C-alpha atoms as a PDB file:
ATOM      1  CA  UNK A   1     201.620 125.489  55.965  1.00  0.00           C
ATOM      2  CA  UNK A   2     199.347 123.171  57.922  1.00  0.00           C
ATOM      3  CA  UNK A   3     196.370 125.418  57.187  1.00  0.00           C
ATOM      4  CA  UNK A   4     197.216 125.403  53.493  1.00  0.00           C
ATOM      5  CA  UNK A   5     197.546 121.595  53.457  1.00  0.00           C
ATOM      6  CA  UNK A   6     194.240 121.255  55.261  1.00  0.00           C
ATOM      7  CA  UNK A   7     192.600 123.573  52.756  1.00  0.00           C
ATOM      8  CA  UNK A   8     193.990 121.570  49.829  1.00  0.00           C
ATOM      9  CA  UNK A   9     192.784 118.282  51.347  1.00  0.00           C
ATOM     10  CA  UNK A  10     189.366 119.787  52.010  1.00  0.00           C
ATOM     11  CA  UNK A  11     189.187 121.006  48.423  1.00  0.00           C
ATOM     12  CA  UNK A  12     189.976 117.586  46.962  1.00  0.00           C
ATOM     13  CA  UNK A  13     187.585 115.880  49.395  1.00  0.00           C
ATOM     14  CA  UNK A  14     184.828 118.235  48.324  1.00  0.00           C
ATOM     15  CA  UNK A  15     185.611 117.512  44.662  1.00  0.00           C
ATOM     16  CA  UNK A  16     185.439 113.770  45.320  1.00  0.00           C
ATOM     17  CA  UNK A  17     182.099 114.121  47.086  1.00  0.00           C
ATOM     18  CA  UNK A  18     180.789 116.285  44.256  1.00  0.00           C
ATOM     19  CA  UNK A  19     181.473 113.616  41.637  1.00  0.00           C
ATOM     20  CA  UNK A  20     178.198 112.478  40.101  1.00  0.00           C
ATOM     21  CA  UNK A  21     177.069 108.913  40.777  1.00  0.00           C
ATOM     22  CA  UNK A  22     178.373 106.663  39.437  1.00  0.00           C
ATOM     23  CA  UNK A  23     181.965 107.652  38.725  1.00  0.00           C
ATOM     24  CA  UNK A  24     183.393 104.095  38.789  1.00  0.00           C
ATOM     25  CA  UNK A  25     182.284 100.491  38.163  1.00  0.00           C
ATOM     26  CA  UNK A  26     179.541  98.978  40.320  1.00  0.00           C
ATOM     27  CA  UNK A  27     179.983  95.555  41.911  1.00  0.00           C
ATOM     28  CA  UNK A  28     177.004  93.207  42.124  1.00  0.00           C
ATOM     29  CA  UNK A  29     177.391  90.177  44.391  1.00  0.00           C
ATOM     30  CA  UNK A  30     175.216  87.223  43.332  1.00  0.00           C
ATOM     31  CA  UNK A  31     174.334  85.057  46.336  1.00  0.00           C
ATOM     32  CA  UNK A  32     174.231  81.750  44.406  1.00  0.00           C
ATOM     33  CA  UNK A  33     176.111  79.793  41.762  1.00  0.00           C
ATOM     34  CA  UNK A  34     175.845  80.405  38.007  1.00  0.00           C
ATOM     35  CA  UNK A  35     172.897  78.855  36.194  1.00  0.00           C
ATOM     36  CA  UNK A  36     170.136  79.576  38.724  1.00  0.00           C
ATOM     37  CA  UNK A  37     167.418  82.252  38.808  1.00  0.00           C
ATOM     38  CA  UNK A  38     169.455  84.802  40.798  1.00  0.00           C
ATOM     39  CA  UNK A  39     172.433  84.555  38.461  1.00  0.00           C
ATOM     40  CA  UNK A  40     170.188  84.698  35.388  1.00  0.00           C
ATOM     41  CA  UNK A  41     168.382  87.849  36.550  1.00  0.00           C
ATOM     42  CA  UNK A  42     171.647  89.520  37.597  1.00  0.00           C
ATOM     43  CA  UNK A  43     173.136  88.924  34.149  1.00  0.00           C
ATOM     44  CA  UNK A  44     169.979  90.167  32.412  1.00  0.00           C
ATOM     45  CA  UNK A  45     169.537  93.306  34.505  1.00  0.00           C
ATOM     46  CA  UNK A  46     173.259  94.102  34.875  1.00  0.00           C
ATOM     47  CA  UNK A  47     173.706  95.329  31.277  1.00  0.00           C
ATOM     48  CA  UNK A  48     170.542  97.448  31.585  1.00  0.00           C
ATOM     49  CA  UNK A  49     171.942  99.133  34.708  1.00  0.00           C
ATOM     50  CA  UNK A  50     175.309  99.596  33.019  1.00  0.00           C
ATOM     51  CA  UNK A  51     173.741 101.159  29.939  1.00  0.00           C
ATOM     52  CA  UNK A  52     171.662 103.598  31.983  1.00  0.00           C
ATOM     53  CA  UNK A  53     174.429 104.518  34.458  1.00  0.00           C
ATOM     54  CA  UNK A  54     177.314 104.703  32.007  1.00  0.00           C
ATOM     55  CA  UNK A  55     179.534 102.468  34.130  1.00  0.00           C
ATOM     56  CA  UNK A  56     180.291  98.708  34.057  1.00  0.00           C
ATOM     57  CA  UNK A  57     178.312  96.499  36.432  1.00  0.00           C
ATOM     58  CA  UNK A  58     180.677  93.719  37.477  1.00  0.00           C
ATOM     59  CA  UNK A  59     178.870  90.472  38.401  1.00  0.00           C
ATOM     60  CA  UNK A  60     180.532  88.309  41.054  1.00  0.00           C
ATOM     61  CA  UNK A  61     179.105  84.996  42.319  1.00  0.00           C
ATOM     62  CA  UNK A  62     179.760  84.873  46.071  1.00  0.00           C
ATOM     63  CA  UNK A  63     178.604  81.520  47.457  1.00  0.00           C
ATOM     64  CA  UNK A  64     178.142  80.298  50.997  1.00  0.00           C
ATOM     65  CA  UNK A  65     175.530  79.590  53.692  1.00  0.00           C
ATOM     66  CA  UNK A  66     172.555  79.793  51.311  1.00  0.00           C
ATOM     67  CA  UNK A  67     173.355  83.378  50.411  1.00  0.00           C
ATOM     68  CA  UNK A  68     174.309  84.612  53.885  1.00  0.00           C
ATOM     69  CA  UNK A  69     177.971  85.166  52.954  1.00  0.00           C
ATOM     70  CA  UNK A  70     177.168  87.535  50.091  1.00  0.00           C
ATOM     71  CA  UNK A  71     174.446  89.247  52.124  1.00  0.00           C
ATOM     72  CA  UNK A  72     176.780  89.895  55.037  1.00  0.00           C
ATOM     73  CA  UNK A  73     179.441  91.293  52.712  1.00  0.00           C
ATOM     74  CA  UNK A  74     177.020  93.754  51.142  1.00  0.00           C
ATOM     75  CA  UNK A  75     175.504  94.716  54.503  1.00  0.00           C
ATOM     76  CA  UNK A  76     179.007  95.699  55.680  1.00  0.00           C
ATOM     77  CA  UNK A  77     179.979  97.478  52.449  1.00  0.00           C
ATOM     78  CA  UNK A  78     180.188 101.255  52.145  1.00  0.00           C
ATOM     79  CA  UNK A  79     176.656 102.628  51.578  1.00  0.00           C
ATOM     80  CA  UNK A  80     177.598 104.526  48.429  1.00  0.00           C
ATOM     81  CA  UNK A  81     175.774 102.650  45.675  1.00  0.00           C
ATOM     82  CA  UNK A  82     178.876 100.848  44.403  1.00  0.00           C
ATOM     83  CA  UNK A  83     178.087  97.464  46.018  1.00  0.00           C
ATOM     84  CA  UNK A  84     174.781  95.735  45.312  1.00  0.00           C
ATOM     85  CA  UNK A  85     173.357  92.319  46.201  1.00  0.00           C
ATOM     86  CA  UNK A  86     171.337  89.995  43.969  1.00  0.00           C
ATOM     87  CA  UNK A  87     169.519  87.441  46.116  1.00  0.00           C
ATOM     88  CA  UNK A  88     166.508  85.157  46.048  1.00  0.00           C
ATOM     89  CA  UNK A  89     163.565  84.875  48.406  1.00  0.00           C
ATOM     90  CA  UNK A  90     165.986  83.006  50.688  1.00  0.00           C
ATOM     91  CA  UNK A  91     166.922  86.541  51.772  1.00  0.00           C
ATOM     92  CA  UNK A  92     163.589  86.622  53.633  1.00  0.00           C
ATOM     93  CA  UNK A  93     163.801  83.013  54.852  1.00  0.00           C
ATOM     94  CA  UNK A  94     167.326  82.772  56.259  1.00  0.00           C
ATOM     95  CA  UNK A  95     166.976  85.057  59.309  1.00  0.00           C
ATOM     96  CA  UNK A  96     164.491  82.554  60.783  1.00  0.00           C
ATOM     97  CA  UNK A  97     166.001  79.355  59.378  1.00  0.00           C
ATOM     98  CA  UNK A  98     169.533  80.051  60.618  1.00  0.00           C
ATOM     99  CA  UNK A  99     170.332  80.655  64.276  1.00  0.00           C
ATOM    100  CA  UNK A 100     172.603  83.476  63.114  1.00  0.00           C
ATOM    101  CA  UNK A 101     172.146  84.495  59.494  1.00  0.00           C
ATOM    102  CA  UNK A 102     174.471  87.454  60.041  1.00  0.00           C
ATOM    103  CA  UNK A 103     172.062  90.187  58.974  1.00  0.00           C
ATOM    104  CA  UNK A 104     168.702  91.799  59.714  1.00  0.00           C
ATOM    105  CA  UNK A 105     166.702  91.737  56.457  1.00  0.00           C
ATOM    106  CA  UNK A 106     164.826  94.945  57.271  1.00  0.00           C
ATOM    107  CA  UNK A 107     167.483  97.044  59.036  1.00  0.00           C
ATOM    108  CA  UNK A 108     170.811  96.112  57.401  1.00  0.00           C
ATOM    109  CA  UNK A 109     169.916  96.452  53.715  1.00  0.00           C
ATOM    110  CA  UNK A 110     167.568  98.411  51.492  1.00  0.00           C
ATOM    111  CA  UNK A 111     165.399  96.609  48.930  1.00  0.00           C
ATOM    112  CA  UNK A 112     166.053  98.303  45.579  1.00  0.00           C
ATOM    113  CA  UNK A 113     163.698  96.066  43.613  1.00  0.00           C
ATOM    114  CA  UNK A 114     162.104  92.639  43.623  1.00  0.00           C
ATOM    115  CA  UNK A 115     162.751  92.156  39.927  1.00  0.00           C
ATOM    116  CA  UNK A 116     160.922  88.950  39.004  1.00  0.00           C
ATOM    117  CA  UNK A 117     159.475  85.722  40.368  1.00  0.00           C
ATOM    118  CA  UNK A 118     158.831  82.197  39.223  1.00  0.00           C
ATOM    119  CA  UNK A 119     157.035  79.140  40.497  1.00  0.00           C
ATOM    120  CA  UNK A 120     158.825  76.203  42.077  1.00  0.00           C
ATOM    121  CA  UNK A 121     158.718  72.872  40.243  1.00  0.00           C
ATOM    122  CA  UNK A 122     158.641  69.365  41.728  1.00  0.00           C
ATOM    123  CA  UNK A 123     160.580  67.223  39.265  1.00  0.00           C
ATOM    124  CA  UNK A 124     162.444  63.960  38.786  1.00  0.00           C
ATOM    125  CA  UNK A 125     165.130  62.515  36.562  1.00  0.00           C
ATOM    126  CA  UNK A 126     163.499  61.162  33.396  1.00  0.00           C
ATOM    127  CA  UNK A 127     164.604  57.613  34.290  1.00  0.00           C
ATOM    128  CA  UNK A 128     162.835  57.732  37.662  1.00  0.00           C
ATOM    129  CA  UNK A 129     159.675  55.579  37.524  1.00  0.00           C
ATOM    130  CA  UNK A 130     157.209  58.151  38.909  1.00  0.00           C
ATOM    131  CA  UNK A 131     155.189  59.753  36.105  1.00  0.00           C
ATOM    132  CA  UNK A 132     152.824  61.706  38.382  1.00  0.00           C
ATOM    133  CA  UNK A 133     152.995  63.435  41.755  1.00  0.00           C
ATOM    134  CA  UNK A 134     150.868  60.682  43.301  1.00  0.00           C
ATOM    135  CA  UNK A 135     153.297  58.055  42.041  1.00  0.00           C
ATOM    136  CA  UNK A 136     156.140  60.052  43.587  1.00  0.00           C
ATOM    137  CA  UNK A 137     154.269  60.135  46.902  1.00  0.00           C
ATOM    138  CA  UNK A 138     153.884  56.348  46.871  1.00  0.00           C
ATOM    139  CA  UNK A 139     157.572  55.904  46.029  1.00  0.00           C
ATOM    140  CA  UNK A 140     158.607  58.147  48.914  1.00  0.00           C
ATOM    141  CA  UNK A 141     156.395  56.307  51.379  1.00  0.00           C
ATOM    142  CA  UNK A 142     157.719  52.890  50.324  1.00  0.00           C
ATOM    143  CA  UNK A 143     161.440  53.645  49.843  1.00  0.00           C
ATOM    144  CA  UNK A 144     164.179  55.694  51.489  1.00  0.00           C
ATOM    145  CA  UNK A 145     164.831  58.489  48.988  1.00  0.00           C
ATOM    146  CA  UNK A 146     166.497  61.917  48.810  1.00  0.00           C
ATOM    147  CA  UNK A 147     165.667  65.192  47.092  1.00  0.00           C
ATOM    148  CA  UNK A 148     167.737  68.106  45.853  1.00  0.00           C
ATOM    149  CA  UNK A 149     167.137  71.819  46.331  1.00  0.00           C
ATOM    150  CA  UNK A 150     169.188  74.914  45.413  1.00  0.00           C
ATOM    151  CA  UNK A 151     170.069  75.259  49.099  1.00  0.00           C
ATOM    152  CA  UNK A 152     168.723  75.351  52.637  1.00  0.00           C
ATOM    153  CA  UNK A 153     166.409  78.295  53.076  1.00  0.00           C
ATOM    154  CA  UNK A 154     165.461  78.644  49.435  1.00  0.00           C
ATOM    155  CA  UNK A 155     161.732  78.596  48.772  1.00  0.00           C
ATOM    156  CA  UNK A 156     162.050  75.369  46.696  1.00  0.00           C
ATOM    157  CA  UNK A 157     163.517  73.748  49.828  1.00  0.00           C
ATOM    158  CA  UNK A 158     160.549  74.911  51.908  1.00  0.00           C
ATOM    159  CA  UNK A 159     157.997  73.953  49.237  1.00  0.00           C
ATOM    160  CA  UNK A 160     159.476  70.443  49.224  1.00  0.00           C
ATOM    161  CA  UNK A 161     159.617  70.198  53.033  1.00  0.00           C
ATOM    162  CA  UNK A 162     155.993  71.302  53.247  1.00  0.00           C
ATOM    163  CA  UNK A 163     154.887  68.743  50.654  1.00  0.00           C
ATOM    164  CA  UNK A 164     157.158  65.785  51.414  1.00  0.00           C
ATOM    165  CA  UNK A 165     157.499  66.027  55.191  1.00  0.00           C
ATOM    166  CA  UNK A 166     154.430  67.907  56.423  1.00  0.00           C
ATOM    167  CA  UNK A 167     151.791  66.744  53.926  1.00  0.00           C
ATOM    168  CA  UNK A 168     153.068  63.253  53.052  1.00  0.00           C
ATOM    169  CA  UNK A 169     154.956  62.414  56.288  1.00  0.00           C
ATOM    170  CA  UNK A 170     157.681  60.906  54.098  1.00  0.00           C
ATOM    171  CA  UNK A 171     161.106  60.049  55.494  1.00  0.00           C
ATOM    172  CA  UNK A 172     163.046  61.685  52.674  1.00  0.00           C
ATOM    173  CA  UNK A 173     166.498  63.266  52.984  1.00  0.00           C
ATOM    174  CA  UNK A 174     167.188  66.824  51.854  1.00  0.00           C
ATOM    175  CA  UNK A 175     170.387  67.377  49.862  1.00  0.00           C
ATOM    176  CA  UNK A 176     171.087  71.114  49.587  1.00  0.00           C
ATOM    177  CA  UNK A 177     173.221  72.310  46.681  1.00  0.00           C
ATOM    178  CA  UNK A 178     174.963  75.666  46.250  1.00  0.00           C
ATOM    179  CA  UNK A 179     172.448  76.993  43.757  1.00  0.00           C
ATOM    180  CA  UNK A 180     170.092  75.731  41.057  1.00  0.00           C
ATOM    181  CA  UNK A 181     172.864  75.061  38.527  1.00  0.00           C
ATOM    182  CA  UNK A 182     174.616  72.470  40.721  1.00  0.00           C
ATOM    183  CA  UNK A 183     171.223  71.041  41.780  1.00  0.00           C
ATOM    184  CA  UNK A 184     170.233  70.475  38.144  1.00  0.00           C
ATOM    185  CA  UNK A 185     173.565  68.713  37.552  1.00  0.00           C
ATOM    186  CA  UNK A 186     172.793  66.453  40.513  1.00  0.00           C
ATOM    187  CA  UNK A 187     169.369  65.575  39.144  1.00  0.00           C
ATOM    188  CA  UNK A 188     170.772  64.850  35.690  1.00  0.00           C
ATOM    189  CA  UNK A 189     173.210  62.357  37.213  1.00  0.00           C
ATOM    190  CA  UNK A 190     170.433  60.837  39.334  1.00  0.00           C
ATOM    191  CA  UNK A 191     172.138  61.831  42.571  1.00  0.00           C
ATOM    192  CA  UNK A 192     169.504  62.428  43.827  1.00  0.00           C
ATOM    193  CA  UNK A 193     166.805  61.668  41.231  1.00  0.00           C
ATOM    194  CA  UNK A 194     164.180  63.971  42.827  1.00  0.00           C
ATOM    195  CA  UNK A 195     164.245  67.739  43.205  1.00  0.00           C
ATOM    196  CA  UNK A 196     162.373  70.952  43.756  1.00  0.00           C
ATOM    197  CA  UNK A 197     163.607  74.194  42.225  1.00  0.00           C
ATOM    198  CA  UNK A 198     162.493  77.366  40.507  1.00  0.00           C
ATOM    199  CA  UNK A 199     161.642  77.165  36.824  1.00  0.00           C
ATOM    200  CA  UNK A 200     164.571  78.749  35.002  1.00  0.00           C
ATOM    201  CA  UNK A 201     167.251  76.377  36.307  1.00  0.00           C
ATOM    202  CA  UNK A 202     165.821  73.066  35.011  1.00  0.00           C
ATOM    203  CA  UNK A 203     163.607  74.415  32.196  1.00  0.00           C
ATOM    204  CA  UNK A 204     165.891  73.568  29.249  1.00  0.00           C
ATOM    205  CA  UNK A 205     166.403  70.033  30.543  1.00  0.00           C
ATOM    206  CA  UNK A 206     162.653  69.593  31.111  1.00  0.00           C
ATOM    207  CA  UNK A 207     162.021  70.642  27.508  1.00  0.00           C
ATOM    208  CA  UNK A 208     164.797  68.304  26.343  1.00  0.00           C
ATOM    209  CA  UNK A 209     163.138  65.369  28.137  1.00  0.00           C
ATOM    210  CA  UNK A 210     166.029  64.783  30.543  1.00  0.00           C
ATOM    211  CA  UNK A 211     163.977  65.863  33.573  1.00  0.00           C
ATOM    212  CA  UNK A 212     160.247  65.347  34.189  1.00  0.00           C
ATOM    213  CA  UNK A 213     158.138  68.048  35.874  1.00  0.00           C
ATOM    214  CA  UNK A 214     155.334  66.662  38.058  1.00  0.00           C
ATOM    215  CA  UNK A 215     153.801  69.789  39.590  1.00  0.00           C
ATOM    216  CA  UNK A 216     154.235  73.565  39.872  1.00  0.00           C
ATOM    217  CA  UNK A 217     153.615  75.792  42.887  1.00  0.00           C
ATOM    218  CA  UNK A 218     151.972  78.649  40.961  1.00  0.00           C
ATOM    219  CA  UNK A 219     148.343  79.752  41.055  1.00  0.00           C
ATOM    220  CA  UNK A 220     147.915  78.634  37.420  1.00  0.00           C
ATOM    221  CA  UNK A 221     149.743  76.376  34.991  1.00  0.00           C
ATOM    222  CA  UNK A 222     152.845  77.730  33.286  1.00  0.00           C
ATOM    223  CA  UNK A 223     152.568  78.567  29.583  1.00  0.00           C
ATOM    224  CA  UNK A 224     155.968  76.887  29.077  1.00  0.00           C
ATOM    225  CA  UNK A 225     154.588  73.596  30.513  1.00  0.00           C
ATOM    226  CA  UNK A 226     150.816  73.618  29.972  1.00  0.00           C
ATOM    227  CA  UNK A 227     150.499  69.882  30.695  1.00  0.00           C
ATOM    228  CA  UNK A 228     152.019  70.118  34.183  1.00  0.00           C
ATOM    229  CA  UNK A 229     149.341  70.608  36.901  1.00  0.00           C
ATOM    230  CA  UNK A 230     149.558  72.981  39.842  1.00  0.00           C
ATOM    231  CA  UNK A 231     149.790  71.692  43.407  1.00  0.00           C
ATOM    232  CA  UNK A 232     146.391  73.250  44.026  1.00  0.00           C
ATOM    233  CA  UNK A 233     144.873  71.199  41.177  1.00  0.00           C
ATOM    234  CA  UNK A 234     146.390  68.059  42.695  1.00  0.00           C
ATOM    235  CA  UNK A 235     144.717  68.589  46.058  1.00  0.00           C
ATOM    236  CA  UNK A 236     147.221  70.749  47.936  1.00  0.00           C
ATOM    237  CA  UNK A 237     145.487  74.113  48.374  1.00  0.00           C
ATOM    238  CA  UNK A 238     147.399  77.101  49.651  1.00  0.00           C
ATOM    239  CA  UNK A 239     150.742  75.882  48.283  1.00  0.00           C
ATOM    240  CA  UNK A 240     151.326  78.840  45.997  1.00  0.00           C
ATOM    241  CA  UNK A 241     155.038  79.471  46.517  1.00  0.00           C
ATOM    242  CA  UNK A 242     157.361  81.553  44.401  1.00  0.00           C
ATOM    243  CA  UNK A 243     161.083  82.104  44.148  1.00  0.00           C
ATOM    244  CA  UNK A 244     161.721  85.796  43.638  1.00  0.00           C
ATOM    245  CA  UNK A 245     164.927  87.622  42.796  1.00  0.00           C
ATOM    246  CA  UNK A 246     165.694  91.002  44.313  1.00  0.00           C
ATOM    247  CA  UNK A 247     168.385  93.670  44.305  1.00  0.00           C
ATOM    248  CA  UNK A 248     169.561  95.173  47.588  1.00  0.00           C
ATOM    249  CA  UNK A 249     171.923  97.936  48.733  1.00  0.00           C
ATOM    250  CA  UNK A 250     173.564  98.527  52.126  1.00  0.00           C
ATOM    251  CA  UNK A 251     171.475 100.447  54.664  1.00  0.00           C
ATOM    252  CA  UNK A 252     172.424 104.108  54.594  1.00  0.00           C
ATOM    253  CA  UNK A 253     172.793 104.277  50.818  1.00  0.00           C
ATOM    254  CA  UNK A 254     171.546 107.759  49.771  1.00  0.00           C
ATOM    255  CA  UNK A 255     167.869 107.814  48.885  1.00  0.00           C
ATOM    256  CA  UNK A 256     168.594 109.504  45.554  1.00  0.00           C
ATOM    257  CA  UNK A 257     170.865 106.626  44.488  1.00  0.00           C
ATOM    258  CA  UNK A 258     168.397 103.924  45.560  1.00  0.00           C
ATOM    259  CA  UNK A 259     165.591 105.776  43.771  1.00  0.00           C
ATOM    260  CA  UNK A 260     167.654 106.042  40.599  1.00  0.00           C
ATOM    261  CA  UNK A 261     168.449 102.327  40.622  1.00  0.00           C
ATOM    262  CA  UNK A 262     164.781 101.481  41.193  1.00  0.00           C
ATOM    263  CA  UNK A 263     163.742 103.765  38.320  1.00  0.00           C
ATOM    264  CA  UNK A 264     166.222 102.064  35.977  1.00  0.00           C
ATOM    265  CA  UNK A 265     164.943  98.592  36.888  1.00  0.00           C
ATOM    266  CA  UNK A 266     161.309  99.647  36.395  1.00  0.00           C
ATOM    267  CA  UNK A 267     162.118 101.042  32.950  1.00  0.00           C
ATOM    268  CA  UNK A 268     164.263  98.029  32.002  1.00  0.00           C
ATOM    269  CA  UNK A 269     161.433  95.622  32.771  1.00  0.00           C
ATOM    270  CA  UNK A 270     159.387  97.291  30.030  1.00  0.00           C
ATOM    271  CA  UNK A 271     161.997  96.591  27.345  1.00  0.00           C
ATOM    272  CA  UNK A 272     160.639  94.090  24.760  1.00  0.00           C
ATOM    273  CA  UNK A 273     163.883  92.106  24.604  1.00  0.00           C
ATOM    274  CA  UNK A 274     163.973  91.618  28.372  1.00  0.00           C
ATOM    275  CA  UNK A 275     160.278  90.745  28.526  1.00  0.00           C
ATOM    276  CA  UNK A 276     160.800  88.065  25.883  1.00  0.00           C
ATOM    277  CA  UNK A 277     163.790  86.549  27.696  1.00  0.00           C
ATOM    278  CA  UNK A 278     161.958  86.500  31.027  1.00  0.00           C
ATOM    279  CA  UNK A 279     158.878  84.844  29.546  1.00  0.00           C
ATOM    280  CA  UNK A 280     160.972  82.151  27.890  1.00  0.00           C
ATOM    281  CA  UNK A 281     162.533  81.338  31.266  1.00  0.00           C
ATOM    282  CA  UNK A 282     159.168  81.261  33.110  1.00  0.00           C
ATOM    283  CA  UNK A 283     159.844  84.510  34.987  1.00  0.00           C
ATOM    284  CA  UNK A 284     157.052  86.919  35.867  1.00  0.00           C
ATOM    285  CA  UNK A 285     158.174  90.578  36.182  1.00  0.00           C
ATOM    286  CA  UNK A 286     157.352  91.979  39.638  1.00  0.00           C
ATOM    287  CA  UNK A 287     159.321  95.249  39.894  1.00  0.00           C
ATOM    288  CA  UNK A 288     157.481  97.970  41.829  1.00  0.00           C
ATOM    289  CA  UNK A 289     158.310 101.433  43.237  1.00  0.00           C
ATOM    290  CA  UNK A 290     160.453 101.607  46.381  1.00  0.00           C
ATOM    291  CA  UNK A 291     157.676 101.879  48.959  1.00  0.00           C
ATOM    292  CA  UNK A 292     155.780  98.867  47.638  1.00  0.00           C
ATOM    293  CA  UNK A 293     159.050  96.931  47.332  1.00  0.00           C
ATOM    294  CA  UNK A 294     159.930  97.567  50.989  1.00  0.00           C
ATOM    295  CA  UNK A 295     156.453  96.525  52.108  1.00  0.00           C
ATOM    296  CA  UNK A 296     156.598  93.339  50.039  1.00  0.00           C
ATOM    297  CA  UNK A 297     159.971  92.252  51.416  1.00  0.00           C
ATOM    298  CA  UNK A 298     158.821  92.937  54.980  1.00  0.00           C
ATOM    299  CA  UNK A 299     155.689  90.823  54.381  1.00  0.00           C
ATOM    300  CA  UNK A 300     157.818  88.015  52.881  1.00  0.00           C
ATOM    301  CA  UNK A 301     160.053  87.949  55.972  1.00  0.00           C
ATOM    302  CA  UNK A 302     156.958  87.465  58.159  1.00  0.00           C
ATOM    303  CA  UNK A 303     155.396  84.886  55.797  1.00  0.00           C
ATOM    304  CA  UNK A 304     158.454  82.647  55.572  1.00  0.00           C
ATOM    305  CA  UNK A 305     159.191  82.906  59.291  1.00  0.00           C
ATOM    306  CA  UNK A 306     155.785  81.310  59.839  1.00  0.00           C
ATOM    307  CA  UNK A 307     156.440  78.598  57.215  1.00  0.00           C
ATOM    308  CA  UNK A 308     159.817  77.728  58.753  1.00  0.00           C
ATOM    309  CA  UNK A 309     158.243  77.329  62.185  1.00  0.00           C
ATOM    310  CA  UNK A 310     155.264  75.317  60.888  1.00  0.00           C
ATOM    311  CA  UNK A 311     157.358  72.911  58.807  1.00  0.00           C
ATOM    312  CA  UNK A 312     160.223  72.614  61.283  1.00  0.00           C
ATOM    313  CA  UNK A 313     162.669  73.194  58.424  1.00  0.00           C
ATOM    314  CA  UNK A 314     166.336  73.179  59.365  1.00  0.00           C
ATOM    315  CA  UNK A 315     169.461  74.728  57.887  1.00  0.00           C
ATOM    316  CA  UNK A 316     171.134  71.461  56.839  1.00  0.00           C
END
């Protein structure tokens, strides 16, 4: 009887293992609040994954510790392709910025794709008197001010620290929010009136005249804001910083599954409707094959570790 029961259990286990991937909904944890670049990309790419895989992709915003909570959850999840992480470039920053981020960015997760990137924008509430970056510098050096970012460890935070603290030597206080959406709300209320964040979050309010962009951290001006100069143009060479959004899976996820997900993202990024949406939000598609993706993320971890040490940035 025991042998028969064991045989039956083995049979059903084998059937379960033989089920093609995916055979149930996929959960995607978004490391930041709604309204920011990570959430936007997750909700644009999620339907493309769902359409290609034939299963729902359930988006869940999991906030905390600048993305470390969501990252830790995914790192500990079963490596079966049913739990994915959508994160920003803070994924590469946090292991150096935090004394214990709770994950190793190279060993604990697999980079499925770095989907898109966008420049960081230095901006102010429209009622703030500074009309140029130089006027903002003078205001910071003469008054005690504060600036908003989407969170400690995000690249907008580090762009601002580099510019405000390292370059200008300004005594300005960092106010980290739980994502770009809440940070934009803070800027709109004037608490604080200054911020640095990636383009998609504040773009509609910049176009509506509620926020004023003073500079962008890209190598060239953005087509959406052709009148806004780059930091390089304004005399700050080498400050070409980008916020990127990537998808990750737990280490140990079968190579075939990771490859399939990467293939779907690469194909999705060629779709005209997605290209149009990304361009309107100031995103630049960056998806590459798996090998190049892994190399890029590894290089980003090293790059931002150096920036954190040079700027003395802290996890507020």
